[in-house]
Amino acid sequence: MRNIGVLFAAVVTSLGATSDANQSDPAAPPAPTPVVVPGVTPAFLREALLRDMPAHPWNRVATPADARILSLIAPPPAKPKIVEPMRMVMPGRVEDACQPGLVDSKKFAAIAVRSDVFGFQTVEMDVAADELRHPASMTKLMTLMLTFRAIERGELKLDEILTLRPRHLWMERSLKKYVEEAGTTQLTVEQLIRAMATHSANDAATVMAERLAGSEGRFVGMMNDAGAEIGMRNTRFKNASGLPDPDQVATAYDFALLMHHMNKNYPRYVRYLGEHEFLIPKSAEVLAAAGGRKRNLSLSERFVRIKGHLALLGERFNGYAMEWGKTGYIDASGSNVAVQGRRPDGSTLTVVVMGGKSGTDRNKCVQTLVSRL
């Protein structure tokens, strides 16, 4: 082994000298192919380099000579593969997850994925989790994920102001009555994030899509590209909000992947999806009309309060405290929810239920499912 070490040192010195010579003289001939010695494989040389040069870890070498050596003895590392949850259970029946009377059997799908403190994921419950369903407003999870990504990249700021246009405000489930009460159609990015997460405001999702991509159509392309990167193989987005579109389909399994991706990569921002309500400050004109200059106004007089509707937040089932999530409903989907809970030991449980007959029935289904694990 010592002789091999000497040979390796000689190869390193030779290749390093060749690399440095090529850098100083552009006209120099290309470096020769390294000598093949029986028993000295590329894998052996790579391991030896990493062992003998701990200050030069793979993918972060210190000198051009080191880079040349690594390029000759081994190919660059492959792009990391998507780590998917292990499927420890066979697909089950509706009654395995919850009471059949709570859900529409043709729209129902459910999955529960546990992630331990080491990040190991296991599917604990699977009922039609790979069958196509309509995501409804759970679609906004992808819109929010791309918003968080833009903020992290410095492409967007939380205090940037965006304007809700009349065409936005006339959308179904918009912020129209709230901004009229507040006396302003200009909201910050953070307020629009809260509007999507808490109120499921469709106009907020559309405005954000247009800000990030120039148009909602181009943003949909971003959504589908991001979904493919995460591993959402069976999901096809058609809009940013989740409004009805027969071609907008997804699976419970795909949305469990999205939830895990958001919790892992954007833990600072998923907290917005755990809020019960948020406030929009009223404009100076509205405050003046209310006599704000003459007396101290109460909180309700200074702000417009917008309440959420995910009653599962803060509930505790089987040791898991429900921390954040997103609901959705259109006629074609039934009542949907994706929610994540956490135990004191740090392990998490992601639950996706689609096709509830009502929000109350859907929540009962989540409770029953988690309690049976």
Protein backbone atom coordinates (compact mmCIF):
# COMPACT_ATOMS: atom_id res chain seq x y z
CA MET A 1 0.00 0.00 0.00
CA ARG A 2 2.90 2.37 0.67
CA ASN A 3 4.18 1.81 -2.89
CA ILE A 4 0.78 2.69 -4.25
CA GLY A 5 0.78 5.83 -2.13
CA VAL A 6 4.14 6.83 -3.63
CA LEU A 7 2.78 6.17 -7.13
CA PHE A 8 -0.29 8.27 -6.39
CA ALA A 9 1.88 11.15 -5.15
CA ALA A 10 3.92 10.97 -8.36
CA VAL A 11 0.76 11.04 -10.49
CA VAL A 12 -0.55 14.05 -8.51
CA THR A 13 2.75 15.93 -8.98
CA SER A 14 2.88 15.15 -12.72
CA LEU A 15 -0.71 16.13 -13.40
CA GLY A 16 -0.44 19.27 -11.28
CA ALA A 17 2.64 20.40 -13.21
CA THR A 18 0.91 19.73 -16.53
CA SER A 19 -2.17 21.70 -15.44
CA ASP A 20 -0.09 24.70 -14.32
CA ALA A 21 1.89 24.65 -17.58
CA ASN A 22 -1.33 24.68 -19.62
CA GLN A 23 -2.58 27.70 -17.67
CA SER A 24 0.58 29.74 -18.35
CA ASP A 25 0.88 28.74 -22.04
CA PRO A 26 -2.48 28.62 -23.93
CA ALA A 27 -0.71 27.07 -26.93
CA ALA A 28 0.57 24.10 -24.94
CA PRO A 29 -0.72 20.65 -26.01
CA PRO A 30 -3.54 19.08 -23.96
CA ALA A 31 -2.61 17.12 -20.86
CA PRO A 32 -1.87 13.43 -21.51
CA THR A 33 -4.24 10.71 -20.37
CA PRO A 34 -3.15 9.40 -16.96
CA VAL A 35 -1.19 6.13 -16.91
CA VAL A 36 -3.31 3.08 -16.15
CA VAL A 37 -1.74 0.93 -13.43
CA PRO A 38 -3.31 -2.44 -12.51
CA GLY A 39 -5.06 -2.21 -9.15
CA VAL A 40 -5.08 1.62 -9.12
CA THR A 41 -8.66 2.39 -10.20
CA PRO A 42 -10.28 5.86 -10.48
CA ALA A 43 -12.35 5.04 -7.40
CA PHE A 44 -9.18 4.16 -5.46
CA LEU A 45 -7.47 7.40 -6.52
CA ARG A 46 -10.54 9.47 -5.63
CA GLU A 47 -10.77 7.92 -2.18
CA ALA A 48 -7.04 8.39 -1.66
CA LEU A 49 -7.24 12.04 -2.64
CA LEU A 50 -10.11 12.67 -0.27
CA ARG A 51 -8.34 10.81 2.55
CA ASP A 52 -4.92 12.37 2.10
CA MET A 53 -6.13 15.91 1.34
CA PRO A 54 -8.93 16.57 3.87
CA ALA A 55 -8.71 20.31 3.25
CA HIS A 56 -9.74 19.75 -0.37
CA PRO A 57 -13.17 18.06 -0.16
CA TRP A 58 -14.88 16.81 -3.29
CA ASN A 59 -16.51 19.60 -5.29
CA ARG A 60 -14.53 22.30 -3.42
CA VAL A 61 -10.87 21.93 -4.36
CA ALA A 62 -8.36 24.61 -3.47
CA THR A 63 -6.09 24.83 -6.52
CA PRO A 64 -6.37 24.51 -10.34
CA ALA A 65 -4.05 21.50 -10.14
CA ASP A 66 -6.43 19.75 -7.73
CA ALA A 67 -9.36 20.49 -10.04
CA ARG A 68 -7.46 18.97 -12.96
CA ILE A 69 -6.70 15.82 -10.97
CA LEU A 70 -10.31 15.36 -9.92
CA SER A 71 -11.57 15.85 -13.48
CA LEU A 72 -9.22 13.12 -14.73
CA ILE A 73 -9.80 10.47 -12.09
CA ALA A 74 -13.57 10.69 -11.70
CA PRO A 75 -16.61 12.25 -13.41
CA PRO A 76 -18.42 15.14 -11.71
CA PRO A 77 -21.03 14.03 -9.18
CA ALA A 78 -24.48 13.38 -10.59
CA LYS A 79 -27.39 15.69 -9.79
CA PRO A 80 -28.90 14.61 -6.45
CA LYS A 81 -31.87 12.31 -6.87
CA ILE A 82 -35.24 13.04 -5.33
CA VAL A 83 -35.59 11.23 -2.02
CA GLU A 84 -39.09 9.83 -1.90
CA PRO A 85 -40.90 8.34 1.10
CA MET A 86 -40.70 4.58 1.57
CA ARG A 87 -44.03 2.87 1.01
CA MET A 88 -44.36 0.56 3.97
CA VAL A 89 -48.09 -0.13 3.51
CA MET A 90 -50.24 -1.42 0.69
CA PRO A 91 -52.91 0.93 -0.69
CA GLY A 92 -55.90 0.71 1.61
CA ARG A 93 -59.65 1.28 1.49
CA VAL A 94 -61.70 4.31 2.46
CA GLU A 95 -62.72 2.68 5.73
CA ASP A 96 -59.05 2.20 6.61
CA ALA A 97 -58.61 5.98 6.74
CA CYS A 98 -61.92 7.27 8.07
CA GLN A 99 -65.65 6.72 8.22
CA PRO A 100 -66.96 6.28 4.64
CA GLY A 101 -69.90 8.60 5.31
CA LEU A 102 -67.54 11.57 5.69
CA VAL A 103 -66.21 11.50 2.14
CA ASP A 104 -67.26 11.08 -1.47
CA SER A 105 -65.74 7.72 -2.45
CA LYS A 106 -65.24 8.83 -6.09
CA LYS A 107 -63.29 11.94 -5.06
CA PHE A 108 -61.56 10.57 -1.99
CA ALA A 109 -57.81 10.11 -1.65
CA ALA A 110 -55.60 10.19 1.42
CA ILE A 111 -52.01 9.75 2.45
CA ALA A 112 -50.04 10.10 5.68
CA VAL A 113 -46.25 10.42 5.56
CA ARG A 114 -44.13 10.35 8.70
CA SER A 115 -40.68 11.98 8.74
CA ASP A 116 -38.36 11.27 11.65
CA VAL A 117 -35.74 13.62 13.08
CA PHE A 118 -33.19 12.23 10.61
CA GLY A 119 -35.39 13.07 7.62
CA PHE A 120 -36.32 9.45 6.87
CA GLN A 121 -39.81 9.36 5.39
CA THR A 122 -42.32 6.54 5.59
CA VAL A 123 -45.81 6.29 4.09
CA GLU A 124 -48.05 5.24 6.99
CA MET A 125 -51.42 5.36 5.20
CA ASP A 126 -52.25 5.26 1.50
CA VAL A 127 -55.76 5.30 0.04
CA ALA A 128 -55.91 6.08 -3.70
CA ALA A 129 -52.91 8.36 -3.17
CA ASP A 130 -51.75 7.99 -6.78
CA GLU A 131 -55.14 8.54 -8.40
CA LEU A 132 -55.86 11.85 -10.12
CA ARG A 133 -57.96 14.35 -8.20
CA HIS A 134 -58.61 18.09 -8.41
CA PRO A 135 -56.42 20.05 -5.94
CA ALA A 136 -58.65 23.17 -5.74
CA SER A 137 -57.03 25.85 -3.56
CA MET A 138 -54.30 23.51 -2.35
CA THR A 139 -52.81 24.71 -5.65
CA LYS A 140 -51.80 27.86 -3.79
CA LEU A 141 -49.17 25.80 -1.95
CA MET A 142 -47.13 25.79 -5.15
CA THR A 143 -47.78 29.50 -5.72
CA LEU A 144 -46.59 30.18 -2.18
CA MET A 145 -43.56 27.92 -2.56
CA LEU A 146 -42.44 29.85 -5.66
CA THR A 147 -43.05 33.12 -3.78
CA PHE A 148 -40.86 31.92 -0.90
CA ARG A 149 -38.18 30.83 -3.37
CA ALA A 150 -38.17 34.26 -5.03
CA ILE A 151 -37.77 35.94 -1.64
CA GLU A 152 -34.87 33.66 -0.72
CA ARG A 153 -33.18 34.43 -4.04
CA GLY A 154 -33.53 38.17 -3.53
CA GLU A 155 -35.96 38.54 -6.45
CA LEU A 156 -38.81 39.69 -4.21
CA LYS A 157 -39.12 41.55 -0.91
CA LEU A 158 -41.75 41.15 1.76
CA ASP A 159 -42.37 44.90 1.91
CA GLU A 160 -42.74 45.38 -1.85
CA ILE A 161 -46.15 46.86 -2.69
CA LEU A 162 -48.39 45.32 -5.34
CA THR A 163 -51.71 46.63 -6.60
CA LEU A 164 -54.97 44.71 -6.88
CA ARG A 165 -56.71 45.74 -10.12
CA PRO A 166 -60.50 45.65 -10.67
CA ARG A 167 -60.14 42.46 -12.76
CA HIS A 168 -58.47 40.82 -9.75
CA LEU A 169 -61.03 41.99 -7.22
CA TRP A 170 -63.97 40.61 -9.22
CA MET A 171 -62.56 37.08 -9.00
CA GLU A 172 -64.38 34.53 -6.89
CA ARG A 173 -63.23 34.59 -3.26
CA SER A 174 -61.25 37.80 -3.55
CA LEU A 175 -60.20 40.49 -1.10
CA LYS A 176 -62.69 42.97 -2.54
CA LYS A 177 -64.81 43.66 0.55
CA TYR A 178 -61.74 43.83 2.79
CA VAL A 179 -59.74 46.30 0.70
CA GLU A 180 -62.84 48.43 0.26
CA GLU A 181 -63.19 48.59 4.03
CA ALA A 182 -59.48 49.34 4.38
CA GLY A 183 -59.64 52.03 1.69
CA THR A 184 -56.65 50.72 -0.29
CA THR A 185 -55.92 48.26 -3.07
CA GLN A 186 -52.17 48.39 -2.48
CA LEU A 187 -50.86 45.55 -0.34
CA THR A 188 -47.39 44.35 0.53
CA VAL A 189 -46.05 40.99 -0.61
CA GLU A 190 -46.27 39.80 2.99
CA GLN A 191 -49.94 40.77 3.20
CA LEU A 192 -50.66 38.96 -0.06
CA ILE A 193 -48.85 35.86 1.26
CA ARG A 194 -51.09 35.95 4.33
CA ALA A 195 -54.14 36.48 2.13
CA MET A 196 -53.32 33.33 0.15
CA ALA A 197 -52.37 31.26 3.20
CA THR A 198 -55.15 32.30 5.55
CA HIS A 199 -58.06 33.52 3.42
CA SER A 200 -57.19 31.54 0.25
CA ALA A 201 -57.61 34.74 -1.77
CA ASN A 202 -57.63 33.97 -5.50
CA ASP A 203 -56.84 37.55 -6.51
CA ALA A 204 -53.74 37.52 -4.29
CA ALA A 205 -52.48 34.38 -6.05
CA THR A 206 -53.04 35.90 -9.49
CA VAL A 207 -51.31 39.17 -8.62
CA MET A 208 -48.32 37.28 -7.24
CA ALA A 209 -48.14 35.10 -10.34
CA GLU A 210 -48.10 38.16 -12.59
CA ARG A 211 -45.42 39.80 -10.48
CA LEU A 212 -43.13 36.76 -10.57
CA ALA A 213 -43.55 35.74 -14.22
CA GLY A 214 -45.14 38.68 -16.06
CA SER A 215 -48.34 36.74 -16.69
CA GLU A 216 -50.27 33.94 -15.06
CA GLY A 217 -49.72 31.75 -18.12
CA ARG A 218 -45.94 31.95 -17.82
CA PHE A 219 -46.20 31.42 -14.08
CA VAL A 220 -48.10 28.17 -14.68
CA GLY A 221 -45.07 26.99 -16.65
CA MET A 222 -42.91 27.79 -13.63
CA MET A 223 -45.29 25.84 -11.41
CA ASN A 224 -45.13 22.73 -13.56
CA ASP A 225 -41.33 22.95 -13.87
CA ALA A 226 -40.98 23.25 -10.10
CA GLY A 227 -43.37 20.34 -9.59
CA ALA A 228 -41.28 18.15 -11.88
CA GLU A 229 -38.13 19.05 -9.92
CA ILE A 230 -39.81 18.07 -6.65
CA GLY A 231 -41.07 14.78 -8.08
CA MET A 232 -44.77 15.64 -8.57
CA ARG A 233 -45.04 13.36 -11.60
CA ASN A 234 -48.83 13.25 -11.86
CA THR A 235 -49.68 16.90 -11.19
CA ARG A 236 -50.60 19.39 -13.91
CA PHE A 237 -51.22 23.00 -12.95
CA LYS A 238 -53.38 25.28 -15.10
CA ASN A 239 -53.69 28.37 -12.90
CA ALA A 240 -52.12 29.89 -9.80
CA SER A 241 -55.20 29.89 -7.58
CA GLY A 242 -56.90 26.52 -7.92
CA LEU A 243 -60.06 27.88 -9.53
CA PRO A 244 -61.97 25.21 -11.48
CA ASP A 245 -60.22 23.80 -14.54
CA PRO A 246 -60.94 20.22 -15.68
CA ASP A 247 -57.31 19.79 -16.72
CA GLN A 248 -55.84 20.87 -13.38
CA VAL A 249 -55.19 17.57 -11.64
CA ALA A 250 -52.93 16.20 -8.93
CA THR A 251 -52.50 13.31 -6.51
CA ALA A 252 -52.44 13.21 -2.73
CA TYR A 253 -48.96 11.70 -2.93
CA ASP A 254 -47.65 14.61 -5.01
CA PHE A 255 -48.95 17.16 -2.53
CA ALA A 256 -47.34 15.27 0.35
CA LEU A 257 -44.04 15.67 -1.53
CA LEU A 258 -44.70 19.39 -1.94
CA MET A 259 -45.47 19.81 1.76
CA HIS A 260 -42.24 18.04 2.72
CA HIS A 261 -40.25 20.15 0.26
CA MET A 262 -41.67 23.39 1.66
CA ASN A 263 -41.04 22.39 5.27
CA LYS A 264 -37.48 21.34 4.49
CA ASN A 265 -36.46 24.30 2.32
CA TYR A 266 -38.61 27.19 3.56
CA PRO A 267 -39.22 26.62 7.29
CA ARG A 268 -39.13 30.37 7.95
CA TYR A 269 -42.09 30.97 5.67
CA VAL A 270 -44.45 28.03 6.19
CA ARG A 271 -45.41 29.71 9.47
CA TYR A 272 -47.71 31.94 7.40
CA LEU A 273 -49.77 28.81 6.72
CA GLY A 274 -50.19 28.31 10.45
CA GLU A 275 -51.87 31.66 11.21
CA HIS A 276 -55.52 31.84 12.24
CA GLU A 277 -56.01 35.42 11.05
CA PHE A 278 -54.19 38.54 9.85
CA LEU A 279 -54.73 42.29 9.74
CA ILE A 280 -54.74 44.88 6.95
CA PRO A 281 -54.19 48.47 8.15
CA LYS A 282 -56.80 50.99 7.09
CA SER A 283 -55.72 53.93 4.94
CA ALA A 284 -55.08 57.40 6.37
CA GLU A 285 -58.25 58.66 4.67
CA VAL A 286 -60.40 55.99 6.32
CA LEU A 287 -58.83 56.66 9.72
CA ALA A 288 -59.35 60.41 9.35
CA ALA A 289 -63.00 59.86 8.47
CA ALA A 290 -63.36 57.77 11.62
CA GLY A 291 -62.02 60.62 13.74
CA GLY A 292 -58.59 59.16 14.28
CA ARG A 293 -56.99 62.58 14.60
CA LYS A 294 -59.23 63.52 17.51
CA ARG A 295 -59.15 60.35 19.59
CA ASN A 296 -57.33 57.05 20.00
CA LEU A 297 -58.90 54.39 17.82
CA SER A 298 -59.33 50.77 18.87
CA LEU A 299 -57.60 47.91 17.08
CA SER A 300 -60.75 47.03 15.15
CA GLU A 301 -61.10 50.67 14.06
CA ARG A 302 -57.50 50.83 12.77
CA PHE A 303 -57.30 47.44 11.04
CA VAL A 304 -59.42 45.11 8.95
CA ARG A 305 -59.35 41.61 10.44
CA ILE A 306 -59.37 38.64 8.03
CA LYS A 307 -59.93 35.25 9.63
CA GLY A 308 -58.77 31.88 8.40
CA HIS A 309 -60.81 28.71 8.19
CA LEU A 310 -58.44 25.80 8.91
CA ALA A 311 -59.87 24.64 12.22
CA LEU A 312 -57.27 21.87 12.51
CA LEU A 313 -54.50 24.33 13.43
CA GLY A 314 -53.44 23.82 17.03
CA GLU A 315 -55.34 20.54 17.37
CA ARG A 316 -53.42 17.54 18.69
CA PHE A 317 -53.99 14.00 17.43
CA ASN A 318 -51.94 10.95 18.45
CA GLY A 319 -49.25 13.25 19.84
CA TYR A 320 -49.00 15.41 16.70
CA ALA A 321 -49.79 19.12 17.05
CA MET A 322 -51.14 20.42 13.76
CA GLU A 323 -48.87 23.36 12.82
CA TRP A 324 -49.62 24.47 9.27
CA GLY A 325 -51.58 23.54 6.18
CA LYS A 326 -53.85 24.57 3.32
CA THR A 327 -57.44 23.80 2.43
CA GLY A 328 -59.23 23.68 -0.89
CA TYR A 329 -62.72 23.26 -2.28
CA ILE A 330 -64.44 23.24 -5.65
CA ASP A 331 -67.42 21.14 -6.66
CA ALA A 332 -65.25 18.73 -8.65
CA SER A 333 -62.88 18.09 -5.75
CA GLY A 334 -64.91 18.05 -2.61
CA SER A 335 -63.25 19.41 0.52
CA ASN A 336 -59.45 19.01 0.53
CA VAL A 337 -56.72 19.66 3.06
CA ALA A 338 -52.98 19.22 3.35
CA VAL A 339 -51.72 19.63 6.91
CA GLN A 340 -48.55 18.91 8.84
CA GLY A 341 -48.23 18.08 12.53
CA ARG A 342 -45.22 17.72 14.81
CA ARG A 343 -44.46 15.66 17.89
CA PRO A 344 -42.26 16.90 20.77
CA ASP A 345 -39.42 14.65 19.54
CA GLY A 346 -39.28 16.64 16.28
CA SER A 347 -40.83 14.00 14.01
CA THR A 348 -43.51 15.25 11.64
CA LEU A 349 -46.59 13.81 10.00
CA THR A 350 -47.90 15.14 6.69
CA VAL A 351 -51.53 14.29 5.95
CA VAL A 352 -53.38 14.97 2.71
CA VAL A 353 -57.12 14.25 2.52
CA MET A 354 -59.12 14.95 -0.64
CA GLY A 355 -62.82 14.54 -1.31
CA GLY A 356 -64.44 15.33 2.03
CA LYS A 357 -68.18 16.03 1.93
CA SER A 358 -67.64 19.21 3.95
CA GLY A 359 -64.87 20.98 5.82
CA THR A 360 -66.10 19.51 9.09
CA ASP A 361 -66.26 15.99 7.68
CA ARG A 362 -62.81 16.38 6.14
CA ASN A 363 -61.35 17.46 9.49
CA LYS A 364 -62.97 14.49 11.23
CA CYS A 365 -61.38 12.25 8.61
CA VAL A 366 -57.94 13.73 9.36
CA GLN A 367 -58.48 13.14 13.09
CA THR A 368 -59.58 9.56 12.55
CA LEU A 369 -56.72 8.80 10.14
CA VAL A 370 -54.02 10.16 12.43
CA SER A 371 -55.49 8.43 15.47
CA ARG A 372 -55.34 5.06 13.72
CA LEU A 373 -51.62 5.24 12.91
